[in-house]
């Protein structure tokens, strides 16, 4: 006897996350005539929205992050991809019942979406320093987004924590507003690309504080940041740094907690995939910043998204050839 459940629209591909990887995947899935939905908790763009000017995406020598994000989304929509603002809580490959083999995305609003395949492009969350004062003064001098908050600190003395591309790039950006920017790094050399380091060292408004970590963030009587306590990792000596803003760029934690069931990953939680972007769960693909890889750039995210979408289409074609697709019933649900 058939069982059915109405999920409304049923899709070939669910894409979770609308950053460069997700929107590229959506564009290619649409071009392949796959019924595609992109679920994104906020505005489309991902990390593009945290970068004011982009200079390393081929074809655009100089473009605003917001503008590029809009172009990505518009291009995907042109080929039929549907974008819905939803916060996905869980993504599950159903293993029994009428919906066996399908992926269900359950959202914070209570809606559920079904698809034959899924692509996770959910990016990451900024890693916190986990020091006293960080949570208390978030939004009161503690920030994780220079583009978002830099304009609030005109004429201030600012601190940036980190040593990678993001920290170095945002230090340079913040000199547009701050009268002085300190880059605090726990080692004696930076991990950032050489061209970004060159710009940093040539900027007279930036000073690097080497071999140091933040121990505490302090504020004035109004609860606004006014001091950062640093510790030298070699001498263990403490010092105060008078700054009214601290921007933290020490990395991201991949947003892979939505995946129900074990998926192969590294020690940091980044998902392992094969050359087709497929995870250890058949039919589930991952692309962009959630995936184990050497570098996390717009170009690599877009490449991942391309591969994932094409691989998903081939996965579906193989299912059709093998006769493994569930039967669509009139309600919009599935029956077996």
C-alpha atoms as a PDB file:
ATOM      1  CA  UNK A   1       0.000   0.000   0.000  1.00  0.00           C
ATOM      2  CA  UNK A   2       1.331   3.423  -0.935  1.00  0.00           C
ATOM      3  CA  UNK A   3       2.071   6.042   1.619  1.00  0.00           C
ATOM      4  CA  UNK A   4       2.205   9.708   0.676  1.00  0.00           C
ATOM      5  CA  UNK A   5       3.132  12.952   2.337  1.00  0.00           C
ATOM      6  CA  UNK A   6       2.620  16.388   0.840  1.00  0.00           C
ATOM      7  CA  UNK A   7       5.763  18.515   0.871  1.00  0.00           C
ATOM      8  CA  UNK A   8       4.471  20.929  -1.740  1.00  0.00           C
ATOM      9  CA  UNK A   9       7.123  21.580  -4.379  1.00  0.00           C
ATOM     10  CA  UNK A  10       9.562  18.737  -4.911  1.00  0.00           C
ATOM     11  CA  UNK A  11      13.026  19.458  -6.278  1.00  0.00           C
ATOM     12  CA  UNK A  12      15.870  17.731  -8.009  1.00  0.00           C
ATOM     13  CA  UNK A  13      18.445  19.657  -5.972  1.00  0.00           C
ATOM     14  CA  UNK A  14      18.387  21.422  -2.623  1.00  0.00           C
ATOM     15  CA  UNK A  15      21.287  23.826  -2.125  1.00  0.00           C
ATOM     16  CA  UNK A  16      21.898  25.015   1.429  1.00  0.00           C
ATOM     17  CA  UNK A  17      23.691  28.358   1.406  1.00  0.00           C
ATOM     18  CA  UNK A  18      23.848  31.199  -1.115  1.00  0.00           C
ATOM     19  CA  UNK A  19      27.503  32.157  -1.184  1.00  0.00           C
ATOM     20  CA  UNK A  20      29.628  31.934  -4.343  1.00  0.00           C
ATOM     21  CA  UNK A  21      29.635  28.118  -4.236  1.00  0.00           C
ATOM     22  CA  UNK A  22      25.892  27.804  -3.718  1.00  0.00           C
ATOM     23  CA  UNK A  23      24.923  30.365  -6.335  1.00  0.00           C
ATOM     24  CA  UNK A  24      27.310  28.895  -8.916  1.00  0.00           C
ATOM     25  CA  UNK A  25      25.891  25.436  -8.222  1.00  0.00           C
ATOM     26  CA  UNK A  26      22.387  26.865  -8.626  1.00  0.00           C
ATOM     27  CA  UNK A  27      23.274  28.409 -11.976  1.00  0.00           C
ATOM     28  CA  UNK A  28      24.741  25.179 -13.340  1.00  0.00           C
ATOM     29  CA  UNK A  29      21.902  23.066 -11.939  1.00  0.00           C
ATOM     30  CA  UNK A  30      19.416  25.390 -13.619  1.00  0.00           C
ATOM     31  CA  UNK A  31      21.310  25.147 -16.914  1.00  0.00           C
ATOM     32  CA  UNK A  32      20.999  21.364 -16.596  1.00  0.00           C
ATOM     33  CA  UNK A  33      17.214  21.776 -16.348  1.00  0.00           C
ATOM     34  CA  UNK A  34      17.140  20.556 -12.767  1.00  0.00           C
ATOM     35  CA  UNK A  35      14.434  21.871 -10.447  1.00  0.00           C
ATOM     36  CA  UNK A  36      16.626  23.739  -7.991  1.00  0.00           C
ATOM     37  CA  UNK A  37      15.979  25.547  -4.723  1.00  0.00           C
ATOM     38  CA  UNK A  38      18.533  27.541  -2.744  1.00  0.00           C
ATOM     39  CA  UNK A  39      17.847  27.941   0.973  1.00  0.00           C
ATOM     40  CA  UNK A  40      19.697  30.845   2.614  1.00  0.00           C
ATOM     41  CA  UNK A  41      19.111  32.269   6.086  1.00  0.00           C
ATOM     42  CA  UNK A  42      19.979  35.808   5.054  1.00  0.00           C
ATOM     43  CA  UNK A  43      20.793  37.877   2.010  1.00  0.00           C
ATOM     44  CA  UNK A  44      22.503  36.012  -0.817  1.00  0.00           C
ATOM     45  CA  UNK A  45      26.241  36.550  -1.035  1.00  0.00           C
ATOM     46  CA  UNK A  46      27.932  34.793   1.872  1.00  0.00           C
ATOM     47  CA  UNK A  47      31.442  36.126   2.439  1.00  0.00           C
ATOM     48  CA  UNK A  48      31.094  38.386  -0.607  1.00  0.00           C
ATOM     49  CA  UNK A  49      29.030  40.660   1.618  1.00  0.00           C
ATOM     50  CA  UNK A  50      31.955  40.994   4.045  1.00  0.00           C
ATOM     51  CA  UNK A  51      34.364  42.192   1.363  1.00  0.00           C
ATOM     52  CA  UNK A  52      34.029  45.719   0.061  1.00  0.00           C
ATOM     53  CA  UNK A  53      36.234  45.496  -3.022  1.00  0.00           C
ATOM     54  CA  UNK A  54      37.110  42.309  -4.906  1.00  0.00           C
ATOM     55  CA  UNK A  55      40.143  42.336  -7.183  1.00  0.00           C
ATOM     56  CA  UNK A  56      40.918  38.656  -7.649  1.00  0.00           C
ATOM     57  CA  UNK A  57      37.870  37.286  -9.452  1.00  0.00           C
ATOM     58  CA  UNK A  58      38.657  36.815 -13.162  1.00  0.00           C
ATOM     59  CA  UNK A  59      36.969  39.304 -15.434  1.00  0.00           C
ATOM     60  CA  UNK A  60      36.457  41.877 -12.688  1.00  0.00           C
ATOM     61  CA  UNK A  61      39.577  43.836 -11.856  1.00  0.00           C
ATOM     62  CA  UNK A  62      37.617  45.908  -9.355  1.00  0.00           C
ATOM     63  CA  UNK A  63      34.085  45.143  -8.175  1.00  0.00           C
ATOM     64  CA  UNK A  64      32.185  45.594  -4.916  1.00  0.00           C
ATOM     65  CA  UNK A  65      31.347  42.412  -3.031  1.00  0.00           C
ATOM     66  CA  UNK A  66      27.669  43.330  -2.871  1.00  0.00           C
ATOM     67  CA  UNK A  67      27.548  43.960  -6.616  1.00  0.00           C
ATOM     68  CA  UNK A  68      29.200  40.647  -7.449  1.00  0.00           C
ATOM     69  CA  UNK A  69      26.776  38.839  -5.125  1.00  0.00           C
ATOM     70  CA  UNK A  70      23.831  40.379  -6.973  1.00  0.00           C
ATOM     71  CA  UNK A  71      25.287  39.299 -10.316  1.00  0.00           C
ATOM     72  CA  UNK A  72      25.736  35.722  -9.055  1.00  0.00           C
ATOM     73  CA  UNK A  73      22.138  35.538  -7.836  1.00  0.00           C
ATOM     74  CA  UNK A  74      20.661  37.132 -10.957  1.00  0.00           C
ATOM     75  CA  UNK A  75      22.564  34.718 -13.182  1.00  0.00           C
ATOM     76  CA  UNK A  76      21.306  31.685 -11.240  1.00  0.00           C
ATOM     77  CA  UNK A  77      17.718  32.954 -11.321  1.00  0.00           C
ATOM     78  CA  UNK A  78      17.969  33.449 -15.088  1.00  0.00           C
ATOM     79  CA  UNK A  79      18.229  29.668 -15.414  1.00  0.00           C
ATOM     80  CA  UNK A  80      15.300  28.975 -13.116  1.00  0.00           C
ATOM     81  CA  UNK A  81      16.871  28.499  -9.686  1.00  0.00           C
ATOM     82  CA  UNK A  82      14.510  29.439  -6.860  1.00  0.00           C
ATOM     83  CA  UNK A  83      15.869  31.355  -3.842  1.00  0.00           C
ATOM     84  CA  UNK A  84      14.043  31.160  -0.508  1.00  0.00           C
ATOM     85  CA  UNK A  85      15.090  32.848   2.735  1.00  0.00           C
ATOM     86  CA  UNK A  86      14.999  29.995   5.224  1.00  0.00           C
ATOM     87  CA  UNK A  87      17.253  28.871   8.059  1.00  0.00           C
ATOM     88  CA  UNK A  88      17.938  25.165   7.620  1.00  0.00           C
ATOM     89  CA  UNK A  89      18.091  23.269  10.904  1.00  0.00           C
ATOM     90  CA  UNK A  90      18.683  19.761   9.583  1.00  0.00           C
ATOM     91  CA  UNK A  91      19.477  18.093   6.294  1.00  0.00           C
ATOM     92  CA  UNK A  92      18.655  14.398   6.327  1.00  0.00           C
ATOM     93  CA  UNK A  93      18.871  11.594   3.812  1.00  0.00           C
ATOM     94  CA  UNK A  94      15.752   9.592   4.592  1.00  0.00           C
ATOM     95  CA  UNK A  95      16.412   5.901   4.970  1.00  0.00           C
ATOM     96  CA  UNK A  96      12.964   4.328   5.162  1.00  0.00           C
ATOM     97  CA  UNK A  97       9.303   4.843   4.404  1.00  0.00           C
ATOM     98  CA  UNK A  98       7.785   6.461   1.345  1.00  0.00           C
ATOM     99  CA  UNK A  99      10.632   8.948   1.047  1.00  0.00           C
ATOM    100  CA  UNK A 100      13.578   6.585   1.262  1.00  0.00           C
ATOM    101  CA  UNK A 101      16.617   7.944  -0.539  1.00  0.00           C
ATOM    102  CA  UNK A 102      15.381  11.535  -0.653  1.00  0.00           C
ATOM    103  CA  UNK A 103      16.891  14.497   1.173  1.00  0.00           C
ATOM    104  CA  UNK A 104      14.749  16.533   3.545  1.00  0.00           C
ATOM    105  CA  UNK A 105      15.723  20.056   4.604  1.00  0.00           C
ATOM    106  CA  UNK A 106      13.822  21.038   7.752  1.00  0.00           C
ATOM    107  CA  UNK A 107      13.803  24.760   8.499  1.00  0.00           C
ATOM    108  CA  UNK A 108      13.363  27.049  11.466  1.00  0.00           C
ATOM    109  CA  UNK A 109      10.002  28.232  10.119  1.00  0.00           C
ATOM    110  CA  UNK A 110       8.640  24.688  10.248  1.00  0.00           C
ATOM    111  CA  UNK A 111       8.748  24.141   6.488  1.00  0.00           C
ATOM    112  CA  UNK A 112      10.334  21.087   4.931  1.00  0.00           C
ATOM    113  CA  UNK A 113      11.742  20.673   1.443  1.00  0.00           C
ATOM    114  CA  UNK A 114      12.377  17.433  -0.417  1.00  0.00           C
ATOM    115  CA  UNK A 115      14.862  16.746  -3.192  1.00  0.00           C
ATOM    116  CA  UNK A 116      16.624  13.847  -4.838  1.00  0.00           C
ATOM    117  CA  UNK A 117      20.063  15.356  -4.178  1.00  0.00           C
ATOM    118  CA  UNK A 118      21.516  18.039  -1.943  1.00  0.00           C
ATOM    119  CA  UNK A 119      24.512  20.341  -2.073  1.00  0.00           C
ATOM    120  CA  UNK A 120      25.815  21.846   1.166  1.00  0.00           C
ATOM    121  CA  UNK A 121      27.428  25.252   0.635  1.00  0.00           C
ATOM    122  CA  UNK A 122      26.709  26.689   4.075  1.00  0.00           C
ATOM    123  CA  UNK A 123      30.081  28.336   4.667  1.00  0.00           C
ATOM    124  CA  UNK A 124      31.396  28.945   8.155  1.00  0.00           C
ATOM    125  CA  UNK A 125      31.035  30.938  11.363  1.00  0.00           C
ATOM    126  CA  UNK A 126      33.789  33.227  12.668  1.00  0.00           C
ATOM    127  CA  UNK A 127      35.914  31.582  15.356  1.00  0.00           C
ATOM    128  CA  UNK A 128      35.853  33.491  18.627  1.00  0.00           C
ATOM    129  CA  UNK A 129      38.832  34.396  20.793  1.00  0.00           C
ATOM    130  CA  UNK A 130      37.000  33.085  23.874  1.00  0.00           C
ATOM    131  CA  UNK A 131      38.512  35.688  26.171  1.00  0.00           C
ATOM    132  CA  UNK A 132      36.860  37.800  28.896  1.00  0.00           C
ATOM    133  CA  UNK A 133      35.007  40.767  27.453  1.00  0.00           C
ATOM    134  CA  UNK A 134      34.562  39.359  23.948  1.00  0.00           C
ATOM    135  CA  UNK A 135      30.925  38.370  24.251  1.00  0.00           C
ATOM    136  CA  UNK A 136      30.047  41.178  26.654  1.00  0.00           C
ATOM    137  CA  UNK A 137      31.243  43.887  24.289  1.00  0.00           C
ATOM    138  CA  UNK A 138      30.201  42.365  20.953  1.00  0.00           C
ATOM    139  CA  UNK A 139      28.731  45.234  18.971  1.00  0.00           C
ATOM    140  CA  UNK A 140      30.277  47.704  21.416  1.00  0.00           C
ATOM    141  CA  UNK A 141      33.755  47.617  19.958  1.00  0.00           C
ATOM    142  CA  UNK A 142      34.151  43.908  19.233  1.00  0.00           C
ATOM    143  CA  UNK A 143      33.427  43.000  15.619  1.00  0.00           C
ATOM    144  CA  UNK A 144      33.949  40.202  13.105  1.00  0.00           C
ATOM    145  CA  UNK A 145      33.143  42.254  10.008  1.00  0.00           C
ATOM    146  CA  UNK A 146      35.215  45.276   8.995  1.00  0.00           C
ATOM    147  CA  UNK A 147      32.960  46.112   6.062  1.00  0.00           C
ATOM    148  CA  UNK A 148      29.911  46.092   8.324  1.00  0.00           C
ATOM    149  CA  UNK A 149      31.298  48.131  11.198  1.00  0.00           C
ATOM    150  CA  UNK A 150      34.381  50.022  10.009  1.00  0.00           C
ATOM    151  CA  UNK A 151      32.526  53.270   9.349  1.00  0.00           C
ATOM    152  CA  UNK A 152      31.560  53.501  13.033  1.00  0.00           C
ATOM    153  CA  UNK A 153      35.218  53.959  14.009  1.00  0.00           C
ATOM    154  CA  UNK A 154      36.282  57.086  12.145  1.00  0.00           C
ATOM    155  CA  UNK A 155      39.372  58.557  13.803  1.00  0.00           C
ATOM    156  CA  UNK A 156      39.700  55.680  16.304  1.00  0.00           C
ATOM    157  CA  UNK A 157      42.630  53.466  17.222  1.00  0.00           C
ATOM    158  CA  UNK A 158      41.775  49.923  16.141  1.00  0.00           C
ATOM    159  CA  UNK A 159      43.138  46.424  16.579  1.00  0.00           C
ATOM    160  CA  UNK A 160      42.835  43.459  14.226  1.00  0.00           C
ATOM    161  CA  UNK A 161      43.569  39.910  15.396  1.00  0.00           C
ATOM    162  CA  UNK A 162      44.873  37.299  12.972  1.00  0.00           C
ATOM    163  CA  UNK A 163      47.545  36.611  10.385  1.00  0.00           C
ATOM    164  CA  UNK A 164      45.788  35.263   7.312  1.00  0.00           C
ATOM    165  CA  UNK A 165      44.401  36.944   4.205  1.00  0.00           C
ATOM    166  CA  UNK A 166      41.253  38.182   5.930  1.00  0.00           C
ATOM    167  CA  UNK A 167      43.093  39.808   8.844  1.00  0.00           C
ATOM    168  CA  UNK A 168      45.668  41.497   6.617  1.00  0.00           C
ATOM    169  CA  UNK A 169      43.134  42.646   4.030  1.00  0.00           C
ATOM    170  CA  UNK A 170      40.772  44.045   6.631  1.00  0.00           C
ATOM    171  CA  UNK A 171      43.607  45.813   8.463  1.00  0.00           C
ATOM    172  CA  UNK A 172      44.350  47.688   5.268  1.00  0.00           C
ATOM    173  CA  UNK A 173      40.659  48.435   4.744  1.00  0.00           C
ATOM    174  CA  UNK A 174      40.208  49.783   8.292  1.00  0.00           C
ATOM    175  CA  UNK A 175      42.872  52.444   7.766  1.00  0.00           C
ATOM    176  CA  UNK A 176      40.219  54.265   5.754  1.00  0.00           C
ATOM    177  CA  UNK A 177      38.483  54.954   9.042  1.00  0.00           C
ATOM    178  CA  UNK A 178      40.903  54.453  11.925  1.00  0.00           C
ATOM    179  CA  UNK A 179      43.751  56.844  12.575  1.00  0.00           C
ATOM    180  CA  UNK A 180      45.879  53.860  13.654  1.00  0.00           C
ATOM    181  CA  UNK A 181      45.487  50.109  13.153  1.00  0.00           C
ATOM    182  CA  UNK A 182      47.402  47.451  15.087  1.00  0.00           C
ATOM    183  CA  UNK A 183      47.570  43.932  13.677  1.00  0.00           C
ATOM    184  CA  UNK A 184      48.010  41.425  16.504  1.00  0.00           C
ATOM    185  CA  UNK A 185      49.492  38.083  15.497  1.00  0.00           C
ATOM    186  CA  UNK A 186      50.562  35.192  17.689  1.00  0.00           C
ATOM    187  CA  UNK A 187      53.505  34.230  15.466  1.00  0.00           C
ATOM    188  CA  UNK A 188      56.473  36.074  13.970  1.00  0.00           C
ATOM    189  CA  UNK A 189      55.363  35.780  10.358  1.00  0.00           C
ATOM    190  CA  UNK A 190      52.046  36.136   8.569  1.00  0.00           C
ATOM    191  CA  UNK A 191      50.175  33.464   6.619  1.00  0.00           C
ATOM    192  CA  UNK A 192      48.605  35.956   4.215  1.00  0.00           C
ATOM    193  CA  UNK A 193      49.483  36.093   0.522  1.00  0.00           C
ATOM    194  CA  UNK A 194      52.595  38.082  -0.357  1.00  0.00           C
ATOM    195  CA  UNK A 195      50.768  40.802  -2.273  1.00  0.00           C
ATOM    196  CA  UNK A 196      48.519  41.491   0.725  1.00  0.00           C
ATOM    197  CA  UNK A 197      51.521  41.539   3.068  1.00  0.00           C
ATOM    198  CA  UNK A 198      53.256  44.024   0.787  1.00  0.00           C
ATOM    199  CA  UNK A 199      50.296  46.399   1.011  1.00  0.00           C
ATOM    200  CA  UNK A 200      50.176  45.977   4.771  1.00  0.00           C
ATOM    201  CA  UNK A 201      53.832  46.767   5.367  1.00  0.00           C
ATOM    202  CA  UNK A 202      53.682  49.748   3.030  1.00  0.00           C
ATOM    203  CA  UNK A 203      50.734  51.281   4.873  1.00  0.00           C
ATOM    204  CA  UNK A 204      52.098  53.804   7.417  1.00  0.00           C
ATOM    205  CA  UNK A 205      48.931  53.621   9.522  1.00  0.00           C
ATOM    206  CA  UNK A 206      49.428  49.918  10.330  1.00  0.00           C
ATOM    207  CA  UNK A 207      51.721  48.490  12.988  1.00  0.00           C
ATOM    208  CA  UNK A 208      52.146  44.748  13.541  1.00  0.00           C
ATOM    209  CA  UNK A 209      52.411  43.420  17.087  1.00  0.00           C
ATOM    210  CA  UNK A 210      54.178  40.085  16.744  1.00  0.00           C
ATOM    211  CA  UNK A 211      54.113  37.014  19.013  1.00  0.00           C
ATOM    212  CA  UNK A 212      51.179  38.272  21.009  1.00  0.00           C
ATOM    213  CA  UNK A 213      47.698  37.090  21.941  1.00  0.00           C
ATOM    214  CA  UNK A 214      44.658  38.825  23.380  1.00  0.00           C
ATOM    215  CA  UNK A 215      44.005  37.918  26.999  1.00  0.00           C
ATOM    216  CA  UNK A 216      41.164  40.282  27.849  1.00  0.00           C
ATOM    217  CA  UNK A 217      39.000  43.006  26.348  1.00  0.00           C
ATOM    218  CA  UNK A 218      38.050  45.887  28.636  1.00  0.00           C
ATOM    219  CA  UNK A 219      35.536  48.696  28.373  1.00  0.00           C
ATOM    220  CA  UNK A 220      34.715  52.079  29.873  1.00  0.00           C
ATOM    221  CA  UNK A 221      31.780  52.948  32.145  1.00  0.00           C
ATOM    222  CA  UNK A 222      29.463  53.091  29.135  1.00  0.00           C
ATOM    223  CA  UNK A 223      30.400  49.543  28.170  1.00  0.00           C
ATOM    224  CA  UNK A 224      32.387  50.579  25.104  1.00  0.00           C
ATOM    225  CA  UNK A 225      35.755  48.939  24.396  1.00  0.00           C
ATOM    226  CA  UNK A 226      38.715  51.089  25.456  1.00  0.00           C
ATOM    227  CA  UNK A 227      41.552  48.651  26.216  1.00  0.00           C
ATOM    228  CA  UNK A 228      42.966  45.314  25.123  1.00  0.00           C
ATOM    229  CA  UNK A 229      45.217  43.264  27.376  1.00  0.00           C
ATOM    230  CA  UNK A 230      47.898  41.452  25.382  1.00  0.00           C
ATOM    231  CA  UNK A 231      50.366  38.740  26.385  1.00  0.00           C
ATOM    232  CA  UNK A 232      53.680  38.057  24.672  1.00  0.00           C
ATOM    233  CA  UNK A 233      53.791  34.325  23.895  1.00  0.00           C
ATOM    234  CA  UNK A 234      57.579  34.191  24.400  1.00  0.00           C
ATOM    235  CA  UNK A 235      58.172  36.342  27.463  1.00  0.00           C
ATOM    236  CA  UNK A 236      54.634  35.994  28.898  1.00  0.00           C
ATOM    237  CA  UNK A 237      54.744  39.703  29.693  1.00  0.00           C
ATOM    238  CA  UNK A 238      51.404  41.506  29.642  1.00  0.00           C
ATOM    239  CA  UNK A 239      50.748  44.930  28.169  1.00  0.00           C
ATOM    240  CA  UNK A 240      47.799  47.227  27.590  1.00  0.00           C
ATOM    241  CA  UNK A 241      46.803  48.445  24.152  1.00  0.00           C
ATOM    242  CA  UNK A 242      44.496  51.439  24.142  1.00  0.00           C
ATOM    243  CA  UNK A 243      42.021  50.756  21.338  1.00  0.00           C
ATOM    244  CA  UNK A 244      38.330  51.404  20.915  1.00  0.00           C
ATOM    245  CA  UNK A 245      37.664  48.669  18.375  1.00  0.00           C
ATOM    246  CA  UNK A 246      38.876  45.098  17.945  1.00  0.00           C
ATOM    247  CA  UNK A 247      38.200  43.098  14.779  1.00  0.00           C
ATOM    248  CA  UNK A 248      38.688  39.343  15.011  1.00  0.00           C
ATOM    249  CA  UNK A 249      39.754  37.350  11.933  1.00  0.00           C
ATOM    250  CA  UNK A 250      41.254  34.107  13.226  1.00  0.00           C
ATOM    251  CA  UNK A 251      39.339  31.714  11.006  1.00  0.00           C
ATOM    252  CA  UNK A 252      35.999  30.116  10.438  1.00  0.00           C
ATOM    253  CA  UNK A 253      34.293  26.979  11.691  1.00  0.00           C
ATOM    254  CA  UNK A 254      32.417  25.142   8.919  1.00  0.00           C
ATOM    255  CA  UNK A 255      28.622  25.133   9.258  1.00  0.00           C
ATOM    256  CA  UNK A 256      28.205  21.403   8.849  1.00  0.00           C
ATOM    257  CA  UNK A 257      26.142  20.725  11.965  1.00  0.00           C
ATOM    258  CA  UNK A 258      22.970  20.658   9.895  1.00  0.00           C
ATOM    259  CA  UNK A 259      23.928  17.311   8.337  1.00  0.00           C
ATOM    260  CA  UNK A 260      22.150  14.450  10.096  1.00  0.00           C
ATOM    261  CA  UNK A 261      24.150  11.227  10.190  1.00  0.00           C
ATOM    262  CA  UNK A 262      27.880  10.719   9.964  1.00  0.00           C
ATOM    263  CA  UNK A 263      29.681  12.385   7.074  1.00  0.00           C
ATOM    264  CA  UNK A 264      33.431  11.988   6.722  1.00  0.00           C
ATOM    265  CA  UNK A 265      35.305  15.115   7.874  1.00  0.00           C
ATOM    266  CA  UNK A 266      38.682  16.311   9.127  1.00  0.00           C
ATOM    267  CA  UNK A 267      39.658  17.296  12.660  1.00  0.00           C
ATOM    268  CA  UNK A 268      38.318  20.831  12.141  1.00  0.00           C
ATOM    269  CA  UNK A 269      34.951  19.620  10.893  1.00  0.00           C
ATOM    270  CA  UNK A 270      35.517  20.387   7.210  1.00  0.00           C
ATOM    271  CA  UNK A 271      33.760  17.843   4.997  1.00  0.00           C
ATOM    272  CA  UNK A 272      35.852  15.444   2.938  1.00  0.00           C
ATOM    273  CA  UNK A 273      34.704  14.957  -0.647  1.00  0.00           C
ATOM    274  CA  UNK A 274      35.860  13.065  -3.692  1.00  0.00           C
ATOM    275  CA  UNK A 275      36.859  14.749  -6.956  1.00  0.00           C
ATOM    276  CA  UNK A 276      33.155  15.143  -7.802  1.00  0.00           C
ATOM    277  CA  UNK A 277      32.433  17.013  -4.551  1.00  0.00           C
ATOM    278  CA  UNK A 278      30.416  14.040  -3.309  1.00  0.00           C
ATOM    279  CA  UNK A 279      30.568  13.328   0.414  1.00  0.00           C
ATOM    280  CA  UNK A 280      30.562   9.951   2.109  1.00  0.00           C
ATOM    281  CA  UNK A 281      26.734  10.137   1.983  1.00  0.00           C
ATOM    282  CA  UNK A 282      25.624   9.170  -1.516  1.00  0.00           C
ATOM    283  CA  UNK A 283      23.825  11.976  -3.313  1.00  0.00           C
ATOM    284  CA  UNK A 284      25.065  14.600  -0.865  1.00  0.00           C
ATOM    285  CA  UNK A 285      27.607  17.032  -2.251  1.00  0.00           C
ATOM    286  CA  UNK A 286      29.608  19.786  -0.546  1.00  0.00           C
ATOM    287  CA  UNK A 287      31.219  22.858  -2.064  1.00  0.00           C
ATOM    288  CA  UNK A 288      33.051  25.979  -0.977  1.00  0.00           C
ATOM    289  CA  UNK A 289      34.222  26.815   2.522  1.00  0.00           C
ATOM    290  CA  UNK A 290      32.641  23.752   4.176  1.00  0.00           C
ATOM    291  CA  UNK A 291      34.936  21.417   2.242  1.00  0.00           C
ATOM    292  CA  UNK A 292      38.480  20.233   2.980  1.00  0.00           C
ATOM    293  CA  UNK A 293      40.780  22.066   0.575  1.00  0.00           C
ATOM    294  CA  UNK A 294      43.990  24.071   0.330  1.00  0.00           C
ATOM    295  CA  UNK A 295      42.517  27.529  -0.166  1.00  0.00           C
ATOM    296  CA  UNK A 296      39.151  29.198   0.287  1.00  0.00           C
ATOM    297  CA  UNK A 297      38.642  31.855  -2.358  1.00  0.00           C
ATOM    298  CA  UNK A 298      35.747  32.988  -4.539  1.00  0.00           C
ATOM    299  CA  UNK A 299      37.319  31.239  -7.503  1.00  0.00           C
ATOM    300  CA  UNK A 300      37.678  27.898  -5.728  1.00  0.00           C
ATOM    301  CA  UNK A 301      34.147  28.167  -4.325  1.00  0.00           C
ATOM    302  CA  UNK A 302      32.756  28.798  -7.790  1.00  0.00           C
ATOM    303  CA  UNK A 303      34.752  25.868  -9.158  1.00  0.00           C
ATOM    304  CA  UNK A 304      33.463  23.602  -6.399  1.00  0.00           C
ATOM    305  CA  UNK A 305      29.895  24.689  -7.077  1.00  0.00           C
ATOM    306  CA  UNK A 306      30.282  23.970 -10.787  1.00  0.00           C
ATOM    307  CA  UNK A 307      31.593  20.468 -10.159  1.00  0.00           C
ATOM    308  CA  UNK A 308      28.972  19.691  -7.500  1.00  0.00           C
ATOM    309  CA  UNK A 309      26.062  20.701  -9.739  1.00  0.00           C
ATOM    310  CA  UNK A 310      27.325  18.745 -12.746  1.00  0.00           C
ATOM    311  CA  UNK A 311      28.034  15.724 -10.529  1.00  0.00           C
ATOM    312  CA  UNK A 312      24.534  15.974  -9.036  1.00  0.00           C
ATOM    313  CA  UNK A 313      23.024  15.948 -12.540  1.00  0.00           C
ATOM    314  CA  UNK A 314      25.031  12.837 -13.436  1.00  0.00           C
ATOM    315  CA  UNK A 315      23.990  11.207 -10.155  1.00  0.00           C
ATOM    316  CA  UNK A 316      20.322  11.805 -11.021  1.00  0.00           C
ATOM    317  CA  UNK A 317      20.807  10.509 -14.565  1.00  0.00           C
ATOM    318  CA  UNK A 318      22.314   7.306 -13.161  1.00  0.00           C
ATOM    319  CA  UNK A 319      19.343   6.934 -10.795  1.00  0.00           C
ATOM    320  CA  UNK A 320      16.937   7.248 -13.717  1.00  0.00           C
ATOM    321  CA  UNK A 321      18.806   4.644 -15.731  1.00  0.00           C
ATOM    322  CA  UNK A 322      18.754   2.242 -12.797  1.00  0.00           C
ATOM    323  CA  UNK A 323      15.083   2.907 -12.082  1.00  0.00           C
ATOM    324  CA  UNK A 324      15.828   4.049  -8.530  1.00  0.00           C
ATOM    325  CA  UNK A 325      13.784   7.262  -8.577  1.00  0.00           C
ATOM    326  CA  UNK A 326      10.701   7.299  -6.310  1.00  0.00           C
ATOM    327  CA  UNK A 327       7.361   7.728  -8.013  1.00  0.00           C
ATOM    328  CA  UNK A 328       5.887  11.246  -7.872  1.00  0.00           C
ATOM    329  CA  UNK A 329       2.279  11.215  -6.703  1.00  0.00           C
ATOM    330  CA  UNK A 330      -0.387  13.810  -7.405  1.00  0.00           C
ATOM    331  CA  UNK A 331      -0.105  15.478  -3.993  1.00  0.00           C
ATOM    332  CA  UNK A 332       3.422  16.633  -4.740  1.00  0.00           C
ATOM    333  CA  UNK A 333       4.812  14.089  -2.320  1.00  0.00           C
ATOM    334  CA  UNK A 334       6.304  10.670  -3.092  1.00  0.00           C
ATOM    335  CA  UNK A 335       4.984   7.155  -2.911  1.00  0.00           C
ATOM    336  CA  UNK A 336       6.560   3.714  -3.049  1.00  0.00           C
END
